[in-house]
Amino acid sequence: MDFYKDSFRWGLEHLSEDDSIWNELQLLLKSITRDEIVDLKRESFRKWREGKRKSPIVGGQAILNEVIDRKFRDLKWERQIFVLDLPKEDLVSLSEKAIEGGGTSSSEEDSETSEKITYWTMDFKKGSIGVEVSFNNAGVLAQNLLRLSVMSESYLKPKEKKIRLGILITATESLKHWSNMDNTVLTFETVQRVFPLINFNIPTPIVLIGLNDSSSEVGWEDTGLFGHRKLQSYSSLPEAERLGWDKLIDS
């Protein structure tokens, strides 16, 4: 997979060609293939056909998140890092507030340590580099930047747990279209327009990455798998429509 880079607060200038973690991250992203994405999408369709899903996954957000998460996991990156270092009673209070706001509760002892308060968890970390992957609504950009900044600037964190640089991974407009992402999804181009307007408020060096639907500068063919809306159950469809989906799924 190809990707584009941009730098804010001299993010790229903080990296060198021999930075092993940065090089590992770039290789990880380049290793993503069209086939991996399409295979996961077909798997979603097969589960729908077998009655294991109510509908196939519609857009590419969840598929891409799964592909990326697997690769980070395989390379032993830390995942879902809680960015706040707070006393236990404060964590309990935050968990309770999250539940009041629509989160879920747990009856197990010390549930606050396993409660994932999404707003306060950064996606990935290795060494002093933190990563946020954002195929979310564009309004989540402020949360992405806040998490990276807290991990970099918090006086509560010991130096060895902080990051010195954040990386924000997004989709290009082209990948967004190719995988039929929701219209509100944040894109590389959007962040490029927004960053100069708020650059003075961002203390943390950040590298912006835009994933593109191409490999070695050759664009990916359309799959025909992503251009649908939420579907009703496979068994309730007319036979002709089921045959049409079968042909697409099994092709």
C-alpha atoms as a PDB file:
ATOM      1  CA  MET A   1       0.000   0.000   0.000  1.00  0.00           C
ATOM      2  CA  ASP A   2       1.240   3.469  -0.856  1.00  0.00           C
ATOM      3  CA  PHE A   3       1.013   6.323   1.595  1.00  0.00           C
ATOM      4  CA  TYR A   4       1.697  10.030   1.717  1.00  0.00           C
ATOM      5  CA  LYS A   5       3.414  11.926   4.528  1.00  0.00           C
ATOM      6  CA  ASP A   6       3.185  15.425   5.894  1.00  0.00           C
ATOM      7  CA  SER A   7       4.856  17.033   8.878  1.00  0.00           C
ATOM      8  CA  PHE A   8       3.599  19.320  11.644  1.00  0.00           C
ATOM      9  CA  ARG A   9       5.722  20.759  14.427  1.00  0.00           C
ATOM     10  CA  TRP A  10       8.650  19.347  12.416  1.00  0.00           C
ATOM     11  CA  GLY A  11       7.479  15.779  12.952  1.00  0.00           C
ATOM     12  CA  LEU A  12       9.433  14.286  10.035  1.00  0.00           C
ATOM     13  CA  GLU A  13      12.487  16.318  10.994  1.00  0.00           C
ATOM     14  CA  HIS A  14      12.501  14.483  14.330  1.00  0.00           C
ATOM     15  CA  LEU A  15      12.964  11.169  12.517  1.00  0.00           C
ATOM     16  CA  SER A  16      16.060   9.802  10.825  1.00  0.00           C
ATOM     17  CA  GLU A  17      16.625   7.188   8.162  1.00  0.00           C
ATOM     18  CA  ASP A  18      18.112   4.818  10.722  1.00  0.00           C
ATOM     19  CA  ASP A  19      15.228   5.100  13.210  1.00  0.00           C
ATOM     20  CA  SER A  20      14.282   1.415  13.514  1.00  0.00           C
ATOM     21  CA  ILE A  21      10.764   1.996  14.867  1.00  0.00           C
ATOM     22  CA  TRP A  22       9.900   4.528  12.168  1.00  0.00           C
ATOM     23  CA  ASN A  23      11.267   2.197   9.481  1.00  0.00           C
ATOM     24  CA  GLU A  24       9.291  -0.710  10.938  1.00  0.00           C
ATOM     25  CA  LEU A  25       6.113   1.349  10.831  1.00  0.00           C
ATOM     26  CA  GLN A  26       6.657   2.330   7.202  1.00  0.00           C
ATOM     27  CA  LEU A  27       7.285  -1.283   6.189  1.00  0.00           C
ATOM     28  CA  LEU A  28       4.176  -2.338   8.109  1.00  0.00           C
ATOM     29  CA  LEU A  29       2.001   0.083   6.139  1.00  0.00           C
ATOM     30  CA  LYS A  30       3.613  -0.790   2.816  1.00  0.00           C
ATOM     31  CA  SER A  31       2.901  -4.475   3.495  1.00  0.00           C
ATOM     32  CA  ILE A  32      -0.877  -3.921   3.476  1.00  0.00           C
ATOM     33  CA  THR A  33      -2.281  -5.372   0.272  1.00  0.00           C
ATOM     34  CA  ARG A  34      -5.500  -5.089  -1.647  1.00  0.00           C
ATOM     35  CA  ASP A  35      -5.952  -8.846  -1.310  1.00  0.00           C
ATOM     36  CA  GLU A  36      -5.848  -8.667   2.506  1.00  0.00           C
ATOM     37  CA  ILE A  37      -8.590  -6.061   2.543  1.00  0.00           C
ATOM     38  CA  VAL A  38     -10.720  -7.867  -0.032  1.00  0.00           C
ATOM     39  CA  ASP A  39     -10.329 -11.221   1.760  1.00  0.00           C
ATOM     40  CA  LEU A  40     -11.588  -9.744   5.034  1.00  0.00           C
ATOM     41  CA  LYS A  41     -14.482  -8.146   3.209  1.00  0.00           C
ATOM     42  CA  ARG A  42     -15.423 -11.475   1.615  1.00  0.00           C
ATOM     43  CA  GLU A  43     -15.195 -13.127   5.017  1.00  0.00           C
ATOM     44  CA  SER A  44     -17.728 -10.601   6.276  1.00  0.00           C
ATOM     45  CA  PHE A  45     -20.032 -11.496   3.377  1.00  0.00           C
ATOM     46  CA  ARG A  46     -19.657 -15.225   4.021  1.00  0.00           C
ATOM     47  CA  LYS A  47     -20.576 -14.819   7.680  1.00  0.00           C
ATOM     48  CA  TRP A  48     -23.646 -12.841   6.599  1.00  0.00           C
ATOM     49  CA  ARG A  49     -24.598 -15.591   4.156  1.00  0.00           C
ATOM     50  CA  GLU A  50     -24.194 -18.199   6.899  1.00  0.00           C
ATOM     51  CA  GLY A  51     -26.402 -16.197   9.245  1.00  0.00           C
ATOM     52  CA  LYS A  52     -23.535 -15.276  11.582  1.00  0.00           C
ATOM     53  CA  ARG A  53     -23.874 -11.556  10.829  1.00  0.00           C
ATOM     54  CA  LYS A  54     -26.986  -9.429  10.410  1.00  0.00           C
ATOM     55  CA  SER A  55     -25.351  -7.551   7.529  1.00  0.00           C
ATOM     56  CA  PRO A  56     -21.925  -7.513   5.860  1.00  0.00           C
ATOM     57  CA  ILE A  57     -19.596  -4.751   6.995  1.00  0.00           C
ATOM     58  CA  VAL A  58     -20.560  -1.772   4.852  1.00  0.00           C
ATOM     59  CA  GLY A  59     -17.576   0.563   4.565  1.00  0.00           C
ATOM     60  CA  GLY A  60     -13.860  -0.042   4.679  1.00  0.00           C
ATOM     61  CA  GLN A  61     -13.213   1.528   8.084  1.00  0.00           C
ATOM     62  CA  ALA A  62     -13.637  -1.629  10.169  1.00  0.00           C
ATOM     63  CA  ILE A  63     -11.799  -3.782   7.613  1.00  0.00           C
ATOM     64  CA  LEU A  64      -8.774  -1.488   7.491  1.00  0.00           C
ATOM     65  CA  ASN A  65      -8.710  -1.139  11.259  1.00  0.00           C
ATOM     66  CA  GLU A  66      -8.611  -4.933  11.593  1.00  0.00           C
ATOM     67  CA  VAL A  67      -5.808  -5.323   9.045  1.00  0.00           C
ATOM     68  CA  ILE A  68      -3.721  -2.621  10.712  1.00  0.00           C
ATOM     69  CA  ASP A  69      -4.381  -3.917  14.223  1.00  0.00           C
ATOM     70  CA  ARG A  70      -3.228  -7.416  13.259  1.00  0.00           C
ATOM     71  CA  LYS A  71       0.033  -6.094  11.857  1.00  0.00           C
ATOM     72  CA  PHE A  72       0.815  -3.957  14.893  1.00  0.00           C
ATOM     73  CA  ARG A  73      -0.047  -6.897  17.137  1.00  0.00           C
ATOM     74  CA  ASP A  74       2.261  -9.226  15.199  1.00  0.00           C
ATOM     75  CA  LEU A  75       5.142  -6.768  15.645  1.00  0.00           C
ATOM     76  CA  LYS A  76       4.537  -6.540  19.415  1.00  0.00           C
ATOM     77  CA  TRP A  77       3.485  -2.905  19.570  1.00  0.00           C
ATOM     78  CA  GLU A  78       1.666  -1.843  22.723  1.00  0.00           C
ATOM     79  CA  ARG A  79      -2.050  -1.472  21.984  1.00  0.00           C
ATOM     80  CA  GLN A  80      -4.826   0.647  23.502  1.00  0.00           C
ATOM     81  CA  ILE A  81      -2.609   2.539  25.917  1.00  0.00           C
ATOM     82  CA  PHE A  82      -4.376   4.466  28.666  1.00  0.00           C
ATOM     83  CA  VAL A  83      -2.877   7.952  28.420  1.00  0.00           C
ATOM     84  CA  LEU A  84      -3.735   9.237  31.908  1.00  0.00           C
ATOM     85  CA  ASP A  85      -1.673   8.430  34.966  1.00  0.00           C
ATOM     86  CA  LEU A  86      -4.181   8.988  37.743  1.00  0.00           C
ATOM     87  CA  PRO A  87      -4.845   7.646  41.240  1.00  0.00           C
ATOM     88  CA  LYS A  88      -7.156   4.628  41.425  1.00  0.00           C
ATOM     89  CA  GLU A  89     -10.086   6.650  42.804  1.00  0.00           C
ATOM     90  CA  ASP A  90      -9.886   9.051  39.846  1.00  0.00           C
ATOM     91  CA  LEU A  91      -9.910   6.149  37.385  1.00  0.00           C
ATOM     92  CA  VAL A  92     -13.035   4.792  39.082  1.00  0.00           C
ATOM     93  CA  SER A  93     -14.657   8.217  38.783  1.00  0.00           C
ATOM     94  CA  LEU A  94     -13.818   8.414  35.075  1.00  0.00           C
ATOM     95  CA  SER A  95     -15.228   4.930  34.507  1.00  0.00           C
ATOM     96  CA  GLU A  96     -18.444   5.875  36.278  1.00  0.00           C
ATOM     97  CA  LYS A  97     -18.775   9.004  34.186  1.00  0.00           C
ATOM     98  CA  ALA A  98     -18.196   6.989  31.013  1.00  0.00           C
ATOM     99  CA  ILE A  99     -20.946   4.595  32.075  1.00  0.00           C
ATOM    100  CA  GLU A 100     -23.295   7.506  32.769  1.00  0.00           C
ATOM    101  CA  GLY A 101     -22.541   8.769  29.300  1.00  0.00           C
ATOM    102  CA  GLY A 102     -23.528   5.490  27.684  1.00  0.00           C
ATOM    103  CA  GLY A 103     -20.603   3.161  28.349  1.00  0.00           C
ATOM    104  CA  THR A 104     -20.853  -0.322  29.756  1.00  0.00           C
ATOM    105  CA  SER A 105     -20.170  -1.499  33.277  1.00  0.00           C
ATOM    106  CA  SER A 106     -18.463  -4.590  34.668  1.00  0.00           C
ATOM    107  CA  SER A 107     -19.222  -6.396  37.896  1.00  0.00           C
ATOM    108  CA  GLU A 108     -15.686  -7.767  38.263  1.00  0.00           C
ATOM    109  CA  GLU A 109     -13.371  -6.381  40.938  1.00  0.00           C
ATOM    110  CA  ASP A 110     -11.018  -3.628  39.738  1.00  0.00           C
ATOM    111  CA  SER A 111     -13.111  -3.246  36.591  1.00  0.00           C
ATOM    112  CA  GLU A 112     -11.724   0.239  36.099  1.00  0.00           C
ATOM    113  CA  THR A 113      -8.420  -1.204  34.926  1.00  0.00           C
ATOM    114  CA  SER A 114     -10.095  -3.181  32.161  1.00  0.00           C
ATOM    115  CA  GLU A 115     -12.700  -0.558  31.317  1.00  0.00           C
ATOM    116  CA  LYS A 116     -11.633   0.973  28.033  1.00  0.00           C
ATOM    117  CA  ILE A 117     -12.463   4.657  28.068  1.00  0.00           C
ATOM    118  CA  THR A 118     -11.950   5.197  24.360  1.00  0.00           C
ATOM    119  CA  TYR A 119     -11.479   8.922  24.657  1.00  0.00           C
ATOM    120  CA  TRP A 120      -8.379   8.373  26.792  1.00  0.00           C
ATOM    121  CA  THR A 121      -6.697   5.444  25.026  1.00  0.00           C
ATOM    122  CA  MET A 122      -4.060   5.849  22.334  1.00  0.00           C
ATOM    123  CA  ASP A 123      -4.058   3.156  19.652  1.00  0.00           C
ATOM    124  CA  PHE A 124      -0.418   2.013  19.490  1.00  0.00           C
ATOM    125  CA  LYS A 125       2.996   2.745  20.985  1.00  0.00           C
ATOM    126  CA  LYS A 126       6.518   1.459  20.594  1.00  0.00           C
ATOM    127  CA  GLY A 127       9.494   3.124  22.214  1.00  0.00           C
ATOM    128  CA  SER A 128       8.904   6.870  22.095  1.00  0.00           C
ATOM    129  CA  ILE A 129       6.533   6.872  19.110  1.00  0.00           C
ATOM    130  CA  GLY A 130       2.755   6.917  19.512  1.00  0.00           C
ATOM    131  CA  VAL A 131       0.219   6.149  16.787  1.00  0.00           C
ATOM    132  CA  GLU A 132      -3.418   7.100  16.336  1.00  0.00           C
ATOM    133  CA  VAL A 133      -5.380   5.480  13.478  1.00  0.00           C
ATOM    134  CA  SER A 134      -8.347   7.595  12.493  1.00  0.00           C
ATOM    135  CA  PHE A 135     -10.962   6.320  10.067  1.00  0.00           C
ATOM    136  CA  ASN A 136     -13.553   8.004  12.261  1.00  0.00           C
ATOM    137  CA  ASN A 137     -15.819  11.000  11.923  1.00  0.00           C
ATOM    138  CA  ALA A 138     -13.792  14.144  11.209  1.00  0.00           C
ATOM    139  CA  GLY A 139     -14.935  15.548  14.558  1.00  0.00           C
ATOM    140  CA  VAL A 140     -12.698  13.006  16.316  1.00  0.00           C
ATOM    141  CA  LEU A 141      -9.542  14.793  15.111  1.00  0.00           C
ATOM    142  CA  ALA A 142      -9.399  16.887  18.288  1.00  0.00           C
ATOM    143  CA  GLN A 143      -9.476  13.692  20.391  1.00  0.00           C
ATOM    144  CA  ASN A 144      -6.679  12.128  18.326  1.00  0.00           C
ATOM    145  CA  LEU A 145      -4.461  15.158  18.830  1.00  0.00           C
ATOM    146  CA  LEU A 146      -5.277  15.428  22.518  1.00  0.00           C
ATOM    147  CA  ARG A 147      -4.313  11.820  23.205  1.00  0.00           C
ATOM    148  CA  LEU A 148      -0.980  12.215  21.399  1.00  0.00           C
ATOM    149  CA  SER A 149      -0.265  15.466  23.217  1.00  0.00           C
ATOM    150  CA  VAL A 150      -1.118  14.024  26.646  1.00  0.00           C
ATOM    151  CA  MET A 151       1.225  11.096  26.012  1.00  0.00           C
ATOM    152  CA  SER A 152       3.956  13.569  25.094  1.00  0.00           C
ATOM    153  CA  GLU A 153       3.440  16.379  27.583  1.00  0.00           C
ATOM    154  CA  SER A 154       1.831  14.970  30.751  1.00  0.00           C
ATOM    155  CA  TYR A 155       3.866  15.850  33.849  1.00  0.00           C
ATOM    156  CA  LEU A 156       2.348  12.789  35.550  1.00  0.00           C
ATOM    157  CA  LYS A 157       4.049  10.334  33.194  1.00  0.00           C
ATOM    158  CA  PRO A 158       7.604   9.138  33.777  1.00  0.00           C
ATOM    159  CA  LYS A 159       9.925   9.945  30.889  1.00  0.00           C
ATOM    160  CA  GLU A 160      10.208   6.329  29.742  1.00  0.00           C
ATOM    161  CA  LYS A 161       6.424   6.109  29.228  1.00  0.00           C
ATOM    162  CA  LYS A 162       6.100   9.314  27.253  1.00  0.00           C
ATOM    163  CA  ILE A 163       6.290   9.674  23.501  1.00  0.00           C
ATOM    164  CA  ARG A 164       8.451  12.208  21.727  1.00  0.00           C
ATOM    165  CA  LEU A 165       6.464  12.110  18.507  1.00  0.00           C
ATOM    166  CA  GLY A 166       2.963  11.229  17.366  1.00  0.00           C
ATOM    167  CA  ILE A 167       1.838   9.662  14.104  1.00  0.00           C
ATOM    168  CA  LEU A 168      -1.695  10.141  12.820  1.00  0.00           C
ATOM    169  CA  ILE A 169      -2.793   7.600  10.187  1.00  0.00           C
ATOM    170  CA  THR A 170      -5.718   8.545   7.944  1.00  0.00           C
ATOM    171  CA  ALA A 171      -7.174   7.614   4.566  1.00  0.00           C
ATOM    172  CA  THR A 172      -6.775   9.657   1.427  1.00  0.00           C
ATOM    173  CA  GLU A 173      -9.922  10.836  -0.298  1.00  0.00           C
ATOM    174  CA  SER A 174      -9.199   8.207  -2.947  1.00  0.00           C
ATOM    175  CA  LEU A 175      -9.016   5.299  -0.465  1.00  0.00           C
ATOM    176  CA  LYS A 176     -12.134   6.611   1.257  1.00  0.00           C
ATOM    177  CA  HIS A 177     -13.981   6.422  -2.074  1.00  0.00           C
ATOM    178  CA  TRP A 178     -12.495   3.028  -3.056  1.00  0.00           C
ATOM    179  CA  SER A 179     -13.639   1.384   0.171  1.00  0.00           C
ATOM    180  CA  ASN A 180     -16.966   3.221   0.426  1.00  0.00           C
ATOM    181  CA  MET A 181     -16.212   4.804   3.796  1.00  0.00           C
ATOM    182  CA  ASP A 182     -18.859   6.971   5.422  1.00  0.00           C
ATOM    183  CA  ASN A 183     -19.005  10.502   4.028  1.00  0.00           C
ATOM    184  CA  THR A 184     -18.030  11.979   7.408  1.00  0.00           C
ATOM    185  CA  VAL A 185     -14.756  10.052   7.719  1.00  0.00           C
ATOM    186  CA  LEU A 186     -11.659  12.165   8.321  1.00  0.00           C
ATOM    187  CA  THR A 187      -9.153  12.202   5.443  1.00  0.00           C
ATOM    188  CA  PHE A 188      -5.515  13.087   4.894  1.00  0.00           C
ATOM    189  CA  GLU A 189      -6.528  16.064   2.774  1.00  0.00           C
ATOM    190  CA  THR A 190      -8.889  17.377   5.450  1.00  0.00           C
ATOM    191  CA  VAL A 191      -6.206  17.249   8.135  1.00  0.00           C
ATOM    192  CA  GLN A 192      -3.781  19.024   5.811  1.00  0.00           C
ATOM    193  CA  ARG A 193      -6.283  21.878   5.528  1.00  0.00           C
ATOM    194  CA  VAL A 194      -7.007  21.986   9.264  1.00  0.00           C
ATOM    195  CA  PHE A 195      -3.520  21.614  10.733  1.00  0.00           C
ATOM    196  CA  PRO A 196      -2.143  25.014   9.667  1.00  0.00           C
ATOM    197  CA  LEU A 197      -5.096  26.675  11.408  1.00  0.00           C
ATOM    198  CA  ILE A 198      -4.354  25.042  14.766  1.00  0.00           C
ATOM    199  CA  ASN A 199      -0.631  24.388  14.518  1.00  0.00           C
ATOM    200  CA  PHE A 200       0.163  26.900  17.255  1.00  0.00           C
ATOM    201  CA  ASN A 201      -1.987  24.875  19.692  1.00  0.00           C
ATOM    202  CA  ILE A 202      -0.241  21.539  19.044  1.00  0.00           C
ATOM    203  CA  PRO A 203       2.847  21.094  21.253  1.00  0.00           C
ATOM    204  CA  THR A 204       3.702  17.598  20.016  1.00  0.00           C
ATOM    205  CA  PRO A 205       5.627  16.892  16.789  1.00  0.00           C
ATOM    206  CA  ILE A 206       3.286  14.928  14.512  1.00  0.00           C
ATOM    207  CA  VAL A 207       3.681  13.031  11.270  1.00  0.00           C
ATOM    208  CA  LEU A 208       0.494  12.799   9.228  1.00  0.00           C
ATOM    209  CA  ILE A 209       0.117   9.701   7.038  1.00  0.00           C
ATOM    210  CA  GLY A 210      -2.489   9.217   4.323  1.00  0.00           C
ATOM    211  CA  LEU A 211      -3.043   5.631   3.172  1.00  0.00           C
ATOM    212  CA  ASN A 212      -3.855   5.334  -0.519  1.00  0.00           C
ATOM    213  CA  ASP A 213      -5.599   2.696  -2.646  1.00  0.00           C
ATOM    214  CA  SER A 214      -2.507   1.904  -4.682  1.00  0.00           C
ATOM    215  CA  SER A 215       0.700  -0.122  -4.524  1.00  0.00           C
ATOM    216  CA  SER A 216       3.931   1.036  -6.159  1.00  0.00           C
ATOM    217  CA  GLU A 217       1.870   3.900  -7.617  1.00  0.00           C
ATOM    218  CA  VAL A 218      -0.494   1.523  -9.422  1.00  0.00           C
ATOM    219  CA  GLY A 219      -4.115   2.154  -8.454  1.00  0.00           C
ATOM    220  CA  TRP A 220      -6.212  -0.695  -7.083  1.00  0.00           C
ATOM    221  CA  GLU A 221      -9.084  -2.005  -9.173  1.00  0.00           C
ATOM    222  CA  ASP A 222     -12.586  -1.516  -7.832  1.00  0.00           C
ATOM    223  CA  THR A 223     -13.796  -4.616  -6.005  1.00  0.00           C
ATOM    224  CA  GLY A 224     -17.567  -4.287  -6.351  1.00  0.00           C
ATOM    225  CA  LEU A 225     -17.717  -5.412  -2.710  1.00  0.00           C
ATOM    226  CA  PHE A 226     -17.901  -2.077  -0.930  1.00  0.00           C
ATOM    227  CA  GLY A 227     -20.589  -0.163  -2.807  1.00  0.00           C
ATOM    228  CA  HIS A 228     -23.602  -1.458  -0.878  1.00  0.00           C
ATOM    229  CA  ARG A 229     -25.665  -0.199   2.034  1.00  0.00           C
ATOM    230  CA  LYS A 230     -26.702  -2.193   5.080  1.00  0.00           C
ATOM    231  CA  LEU A 231     -28.417  -5.384   3.907  1.00  0.00           C
ATOM    232  CA  GLN A 232     -31.237  -7.448   5.330  1.00  0.00           C
ATOM    233  CA  SER A 233     -30.599 -11.083   6.190  1.00  0.00           C
ATOM    234  CA  TYR A 234     -29.400 -13.281   3.337  1.00  0.00           C
ATOM    235  CA  SER A 235     -32.194 -15.835   3.877  1.00  0.00           C
ATOM    236  CA  SER A 236     -34.889 -13.172   3.446  1.00  0.00           C
ATOM    237  CA  LEU A 237     -33.671 -12.034   0.027  1.00  0.00           C
ATOM    238  CA  PRO A 238     -35.347 -13.172  -3.207  1.00  0.00           C
ATOM    239  CA  GLU A 239     -33.548 -16.036  -4.900  1.00  0.00           C
ATOM    240  CA  ALA A 240     -32.368 -13.902  -7.816  1.00  0.00           C
ATOM    241  CA  GLU A 241     -30.798 -11.387  -5.433  1.00  0.00           C
ATOM    242  CA  ARG A 242     -29.136 -14.159  -3.423  1.00  0.00           C
ATOM    243  CA  LEU A 243     -27.643 -15.575  -6.615  1.00  0.00           C
ATOM    244  CA  GLY A 244     -26.255 -12.135  -7.454  1.00  0.00           C
ATOM    245  CA  TRP A 245     -24.544 -11.866  -4.100  1.00  0.00           C
ATOM    246  CA  ASP A 246     -23.288 -15.474  -4.355  1.00  0.00           C
ATOM    247  CA  LYS A 247     -21.619 -14.667  -7.651  1.00  0.00           C
ATOM    248  CA  LEU A 248     -19.888 -11.633  -6.162  1.00  0.00           C
ATOM    249  CA  ILE A 249     -18.859 -13.371  -2.936  1.00  0.00           C
ATOM    250  CA  ASP A 250     -17.498 -16.493  -4.644  1.00  0.00           C
ATOM    251  CA  SER A 251     -15.824 -14.775  -7.580  1.00  0.00           C
END
